[in-house]
Amino acid sequence: MYKILEKERWSESVFSYIIDAPYVAKAAQPGQFIVLITQPAGERIPLTIADSSAEEGWVQIVFQVVGKSTLELSLMEKNDELYSFAGPLGTASELENFGGKVVIIGGGIGIAPIHPIARKLKEMGNYVVSVIGARTKELLIMEDKLREASNELIVVTDDGSYGRKALVTEPLDEMLKTEGENIKKIWAIGPPIMMKFCTKTAVANGRGNDIIVSLNPIMVDGTGMCGACRVTVGGKTKFACVDGPEFVGGLVDFDEFMGRQRQYVEKEKDALESYKAKLQKEGRV
């Protein structure tokens, strides 16, 4: 069993858990993910690793309540134990000293998985410019950690309630136009629509092969067995879980990817409503 060492609620629907998982922590690399199960009959939940400590044996996960299983996870408390916590899974980010600036973009809950990437790139000697954005100030997460992991941090909100009033694509476009080839690599992780338009921005500036995106949002099983995360990359069928989760943005068929994300919407809605009704009957909400 994997004990919840710390639980924090960062907003109405966003939670951070520190999990006691020494073997996962020892092997975890930036870009990788875990698959957890809350209880024996529970659903598999793939989540990208937000932070870890090999010395202290913990792994941090950050998640947003979007359906039945994440709601169930959010109702667990400190010292509760997860039934399963498997990982690290997936291919680690390909990181090196790129000899210039790297731009790391995180949107919404996607801010969490860019943190270990930014930190490692800075440790390797890159000049890291991180851009984090959310719809409004209350939904911004991990600002202090990203500030520490970056040489520069740009904060934007859609409504202008904090930082600059802009979408994350705007500072990216400005940097690519003004600094050109000095920007060596780009990572963009967040909602699929955000990654799509970050990629469009990179492509428009001739940098479609230099932007990396994470296709974690369409994972289900997390081991390549269910086929739910099939996506076309460079004209070939790939699986987000075992071939990724990171891919070159300019090669991803985003229309197919975003369509794939909607394949279980009705079933997920039914499961959530059924679970909420159960909770109400039990007097838990």
Protein backbone atom coordinates (compact mmCIF):
# COMPACT_ATOMS: atom_id res chain seq x y z
CA MET A 1 0.00 0.00 0.00
CA TYR A 2 1.10 3.58 -0.68
CA LYS A 3 0.38 6.08 2.07
CA ILE A 4 -0.68 9.68 1.45
CA LEU A 5 1.88 11.64 3.45
CA GLU A 6 0.51 15.10 2.66
CA LYS A 7 -2.68 16.42 1.10
CA GLU A 8 -3.21 20.00 -0.08
CA ARG A 9 -6.20 21.53 -1.82
CA TRP A 10 -4.93 24.24 -4.13
CA SER A 11 -8.29 25.31 -5.55
CA GLU A 12 -11.87 24.08 -5.71
CA SER A 13 -10.89 21.17 -7.94
CA VAL A 14 -7.07 20.91 -7.85
CA PHE A 15 -5.22 18.79 -5.28
CA SER A 16 -1.60 17.95 -4.48
CA TYR A 17 -0.66 14.67 -2.77
CA ILE A 18 2.71 13.53 -1.50
CA ILE A 19 2.83 9.73 -1.73
CA ASP A 20 5.17 7.38 0.11
CA ALA A 21 6.64 5.44 -2.84
CA PRO A 22 10.42 4.98 -2.40
CA TYR A 23 11.00 2.66 -5.36
CA VAL A 24 9.11 4.95 -7.74
CA ALA A 25 10.91 8.01 -6.36
CA LYS A 26 14.32 6.37 -6.82
CA ALA A 27 13.77 5.74 -10.54
CA ALA A 28 11.58 8.73 -11.54
CA GLN A 29 12.76 10.97 -14.37
CA PRO A 30 11.26 14.20 -15.78
CA GLY A 31 8.41 13.51 -18.21
CA GLN A 32 7.44 10.14 -16.75
CA PHE A 33 4.12 9.23 -15.16
CA ILE A 34 2.56 6.85 -12.66
CA VAL A 35 -0.69 4.89 -12.70
CA LEU A 36 -2.57 4.74 -9.43
CA ILE A 37 -5.65 2.87 -8.24
CA THR A 38 -7.52 4.07 -5.16
CA GLN A 39 -9.06 0.73 -4.14
CA PRO A 40 -9.23 -2.87 -5.51
CA ALA A 41 -12.19 -2.24 -7.82
CA GLY A 42 -10.97 1.23 -8.81
CA GLU A 43 -10.08 2.66 -12.21
CA ARG A 44 -6.49 3.18 -13.34
CA ILE A 45 -5.53 6.88 -13.19
CA PRO A 46 -2.39 7.95 -15.13
CA LEU A 47 -0.77 11.11 -13.72
CA THR A 48 2.50 12.77 -14.69
CA ILE A 49 4.99 13.08 -11.84
CA ALA A 50 5.16 16.66 -10.52
CA ASP A 51 8.10 16.16 -8.15
CA SER A 52 9.94 13.42 -6.25
CA SER A 53 12.70 12.82 -3.75
CA ALA A 54 14.83 9.71 -4.08
CA GLU A 55 16.43 10.45 -0.70
CA GLU A 56 13.14 10.84 1.19
CA GLY A 57 11.19 8.31 -0.89
CA TRP A 58 8.18 10.38 -1.90
CA VAL A 59 6.45 11.29 -5.15
CA GLN A 60 4.22 14.32 -5.69
CA ILE A 61 1.13 14.08 -7.88
CA VAL A 62 -1.12 16.97 -8.82
CA PHE A 63 -4.58 16.33 -10.23
CA GLN A 64 -7.83 18.02 -11.09
CA VAL A 65 -11.22 16.54 -10.30
CA VAL A 66 -12.82 15.88 -13.69
CA GLY A 67 -14.67 12.59 -13.23
CA LYS A 68 -15.68 9.78 -10.91
CA SER A 69 -12.22 8.39 -10.22
CA THR A 70 -10.52 11.71 -9.56
CA LEU A 71 -13.42 12.71 -7.31
CA GLU A 72 -12.93 9.46 -5.40
CA LEU A 73 -9.21 10.20 -5.15
CA SER A 74 -9.89 13.73 -3.86
CA LEU A 75 -11.96 12.33 -0.98
CA MET A 76 -9.01 10.38 0.40
CA GLU A 77 -7.18 11.93 3.34
CA LYS A 78 -3.69 12.10 4.81
CA ASN A 79 -2.53 8.66 6.02
CA ASP A 80 -5.02 6.86 3.76
CA GLU A 81 -3.38 4.28 1.50
CA LEU A 82 -3.71 3.86 -2.25
CA TYR A 83 -4.29 0.33 -3.48
CA SER A 84 -1.68 0.67 -6.23
CA PHE A 85 0.90 3.21 -7.36
CA ALA A 86 2.87 1.89 -10.33
CA GLY A 87 5.75 3.63 -12.04
CA PRO A 88 7.68 5.37 -13.27
CA LEU A 89 6.16 4.67 -16.69
CA GLY A 90 6.66 6.16 -20.13
CA THR A 91 9.76 7.53 -21.82
CA ALA A 92 11.63 10.22 -19.92
CA SER A 93 12.10 13.67 -21.43
CA GLU A 94 15.15 13.89 -23.68
CA LEU A 95 17.15 16.56 -21.88
CA GLU A 96 20.62 17.98 -22.46
CA ASN A 97 22.47 21.26 -22.51
CA PHE A 98 21.07 22.74 -25.73
CA GLY A 99 23.48 25.70 -25.74
CA GLY A 100 20.97 28.52 -25.47
CA LYS A 101 17.51 29.31 -24.18
CA VAL A 102 14.79 26.76 -23.67
CA VAL A 103 11.16 27.78 -23.23
CA ILE A 104 9.00 25.68 -20.92
CA ILE A 105 5.25 26.35 -21.08
CA GLY A 106 2.67 25.05 -18.63
CA GLY A 107 -1.04 25.69 -18.78
CA GLY A 108 -3.43 24.98 -15.91
CA ILE A 109 -2.80 21.57 -14.38
CA GLY A 110 0.00 21.14 -16.96
CA ILE A 111 2.16 23.45 -14.86
CA ALA A 112 2.88 20.51 -12.55
CA PRO A 113 4.66 18.22 -15.06
CA ILE A 114 6.81 21.04 -16.50
CA HIS A 115 8.38 21.59 -13.08
CA PRO A 116 10.83 18.63 -13.08
CA ILE A 117 11.66 19.30 -16.73
CA ALA A 118 12.52 22.96 -16.09
CA ARG A 119 14.54 22.12 -12.99
CA LYS A 120 16.62 19.46 -14.73
CA LEU A 121 17.27 21.64 -17.77
CA LYS A 122 18.50 24.45 -15.52
CA GLU A 123 20.75 22.01 -13.64
CA MET A 124 22.23 20.98 -17.02
CA GLY A 125 23.25 24.58 -17.74
CA ASN A 126 20.41 25.74 -20.00
CA TYR A 127 18.91 29.21 -19.68
CA VAL A 128 15.32 28.34 -18.81
CA VAL A 129 12.41 30.67 -19.51
CA SER A 130 9.20 29.26 -18.06
CA VAL A 131 5.76 30.51 -19.03
CA ILE A 132 2.84 29.50 -16.82
CA GLY A 133 -0.76 30.42 -17.44
CA ALA A 134 -4.30 29.79 -16.29
CA ARG A 135 -7.76 31.21 -16.80
CA THR A 136 -7.57 33.19 -13.56
CA LYS A 137 -5.23 33.77 -10.60
CA GLU A 138 -6.91 31.15 -8.39
CA LEU A 139 -6.04 28.39 -10.87
CA LEU A 140 -2.31 29.13 -11.06
CA ILE A 141 -0.20 26.51 -9.28
CA MET A 142 3.43 25.97 -8.28
CA GLU A 143 4.56 29.51 -9.07
CA ASP A 144 7.28 29.50 -6.40
CA LYS A 145 8.68 26.14 -7.52
CA LEU A 146 8.77 27.23 -11.17
CA ARG A 147 10.45 30.51 -10.24
CA GLU A 148 13.18 28.54 -8.48
CA ALA A 149 13.52 26.07 -11.36
CA SER A 150 13.83 28.82 -14.02
CA ASN A 151 16.12 31.68 -14.95
CA GLU A 152 13.07 33.70 -15.95
CA LEU A 153 9.39 33.19 -15.17
CA ILE A 154 6.52 34.74 -17.13
CA VAL A 155 3.06 34.50 -15.58
CA VAL A 156 -0.10 35.09 -17.64
CA THR A 157 -3.81 34.80 -16.98
CA ASP A 158 -6.65 34.86 -19.47
CA ASP A 159 -8.58 37.44 -17.45
CA GLY A 160 -5.61 39.55 -16.33
CA SER A 161 -6.28 38.87 -12.64
CA TYR A 162 -2.58 38.11 -12.09
CA GLY A 163 0.57 38.64 -14.10
CA ARG A 164 0.13 39.63 -17.72
CA LYS A 165 -3.28 39.45 -19.42
CA ALA A 166 -2.46 37.07 -22.25
CA LEU A 167 -2.54 33.52 -23.50
CA VAL A 168 0.68 31.51 -23.17
CA THR A 169 1.08 31.57 -26.94
CA GLU A 170 1.68 35.33 -26.93
CA PRO A 171 5.02 35.44 -25.06
CA LEU A 172 6.09 32.33 -26.99
CA ASP A 173 5.42 34.06 -30.31
CA GLU A 174 7.24 37.21 -29.15
CA MET A 175 10.33 35.27 -28.07
CA LEU A 176 10.48 33.27 -31.28
CA LYS A 177 10.16 36.42 -33.37
CA THR A 178 12.72 38.47 -31.44
CA GLU A 179 15.28 35.81 -30.46
CA GLY A 180 14.92 33.34 -33.31
CA GLU A 181 17.48 30.55 -33.28
CA ASN A 182 18.65 31.47 -29.79
CA ILE A 183 15.55 29.59 -28.61
CA LYS A 184 16.84 26.02 -28.85
CA LYS A 185 13.92 23.96 -27.58
CA ILE A 186 10.32 24.37 -26.41
CA TRP A 187 8.14 22.25 -24.14
CA ALA A 188 4.39 22.89 -23.93
CA ILE A 189 2.23 20.87 -21.53
CA GLY A 190 -1.37 21.61 -20.65
CA PRO A 191 -4.88 21.32 -22.06
CA PRO A 192 -4.90 19.83 -25.58
CA ILE A 193 -6.17 23.08 -27.11
CA MET A 194 -3.28 24.97 -25.51
CA MET A 195 -0.70 22.49 -26.81
CA LYS A 196 -2.29 22.66 -30.27
CA PHE A 197 -1.97 26.43 -30.47
CA CYS A 198 1.50 26.50 -28.94
CA THR A 199 2.48 24.10 -31.70
CA LYS A 200 0.76 26.26 -34.33
CA THR A 201 2.75 29.22 -33.02
CA ALA A 202 6.00 27.27 -33.25
CA VAL A 203 5.15 26.04 -36.76
CA ALA A 204 4.34 29.59 -37.89
CA ASN A 205 7.83 30.58 -36.79
CA GLY A 206 9.47 27.62 -38.53
CA ARG A 207 10.02 25.70 -35.29
CA GLY A 208 7.52 22.86 -35.52
CA ASN A 209 10.24 20.26 -34.95
CA ASP A 210 11.59 22.02 -31.86
CA ILE A 211 8.46 21.93 -29.71
CA ILE A 212 7.67 18.97 -27.46
CA VAL A 213 4.17 18.24 -26.16
CA SER A 214 2.83 15.64 -23.71
CA LEU A 215 -0.17 13.56 -24.78
CA ASN A 216 -0.91 12.28 -21.28
CA PRO A 217 -4.56 13.54 -21.28
CA ILE A 218 -5.80 10.66 -23.48
CA MET A 219 -4.20 7.83 -21.52
CA VAL A 220 -6.46 5.25 -19.89
CA ASP A 221 -4.68 1.95 -19.20
CA GLY A 222 -1.17 3.41 -19.30
CA THR A 223 0.53 0.23 -20.53
CA GLY A 224 -0.37 0.09 -24.25
CA MET A 225 -2.94 -2.67 -23.83
CA CYS A 226 -6.24 -0.77 -24.24
CA GLY A 227 -5.39 1.23 -27.37
CA ALA A 228 -7.36 4.25 -26.19
CA CYS A 229 -4.37 6.58 -26.53
CA ARG A 230 -3.63 5.86 -30.20
CA VAL A 231 -2.51 9.00 -31.99
CA THR A 232 -0.93 9.75 -35.36
CA VAL A 233 2.55 11.24 -35.10
CA GLY A 234 4.47 11.90 -38.29
CA GLY A 235 1.97 9.77 -40.24
CA LYS A 236 2.51 6.74 -37.99
CA THR A 237 0.30 5.32 -35.25
CA LYS A 238 1.80 5.75 -31.79
CA PHE A 239 0.59 5.06 -28.27
CA ALA A 240 0.86 8.01 -25.90
CA CYS A 241 1.65 5.77 -22.91
CA VAL A 242 4.38 3.46 -24.20
CA ASP A 243 5.79 5.52 -27.09
CA GLY A 244 5.49 8.81 -25.20
CA PRO A 245 3.99 10.63 -23.47
CA GLU A 246 6.16 13.30 -25.14
CA PHE A 247 6.23 13.81 -28.90
CA VAL A 248 7.40 16.44 -31.37
CA GLY A 249 4.45 18.84 -31.56
CA GLY A 250 4.81 19.60 -35.24
CA LEU A 251 4.28 15.92 -36.08
CA VAL A 252 1.14 15.36 -33.95
CA ASP A 253 -2.30 15.13 -35.57
CA PHE A 254 -4.02 17.34 -33.00
CA ASP A 255 -7.49 17.01 -34.50
CA GLU A 256 -7.34 13.25 -34.08
CA PHE A 257 -5.80 13.62 -30.62
CA MET A 258 -8.53 15.97 -29.40
CA GLY A 259 -11.23 13.77 -30.89
CA ARG A 260 -9.77 10.78 -29.10
CA GLN A 261 -10.04 12.68 -25.81
CA ARG A 262 -13.82 12.93 -26.25
CA GLN A 263 -14.41 9.21 -26.89
CA TYR A 264 -15.62 8.38 -23.37
CA VAL A 265 -17.34 11.66 -22.46
CA GLU A 266 -20.85 10.25 -22.06
CA LYS A 267 -19.71 7.19 -20.10
CA GLU A 268 -17.56 9.38 -17.84
CA LYS A 269 -20.51 11.72 -17.24
CA ASP A 270 -22.79 8.82 -16.32
CA ALA A 271 -20.19 7.35 -13.96
CA LEU A 272 -19.68 10.69 -12.22
CA GLU A 273 -23.39 11.34 -11.73
CA SER A 274 -23.91 7.81 -10.40
CA TYR A 275 -21.04 8.22 -7.95
CA LYS A 276 -22.30 11.61 -6.75
CA ALA A 277 -25.74 10.09 -6.14
CA LYS A 278 -24.08 7.33 -4.09
CA LEU A 279 -22.19 9.89 -2.03
CA GLN A 280 -25.35 11.89 -1.40
CA LYS A 281 -27.18 8.75 -0.29
CA GLU A 282 -24.35 8.01 2.13
CA GLY A 283 -24.37 11.60 3.36
CA ARG A 284 -20.76 12.22 2.30
CA VAL A 285 -21.47 15.34 0.21
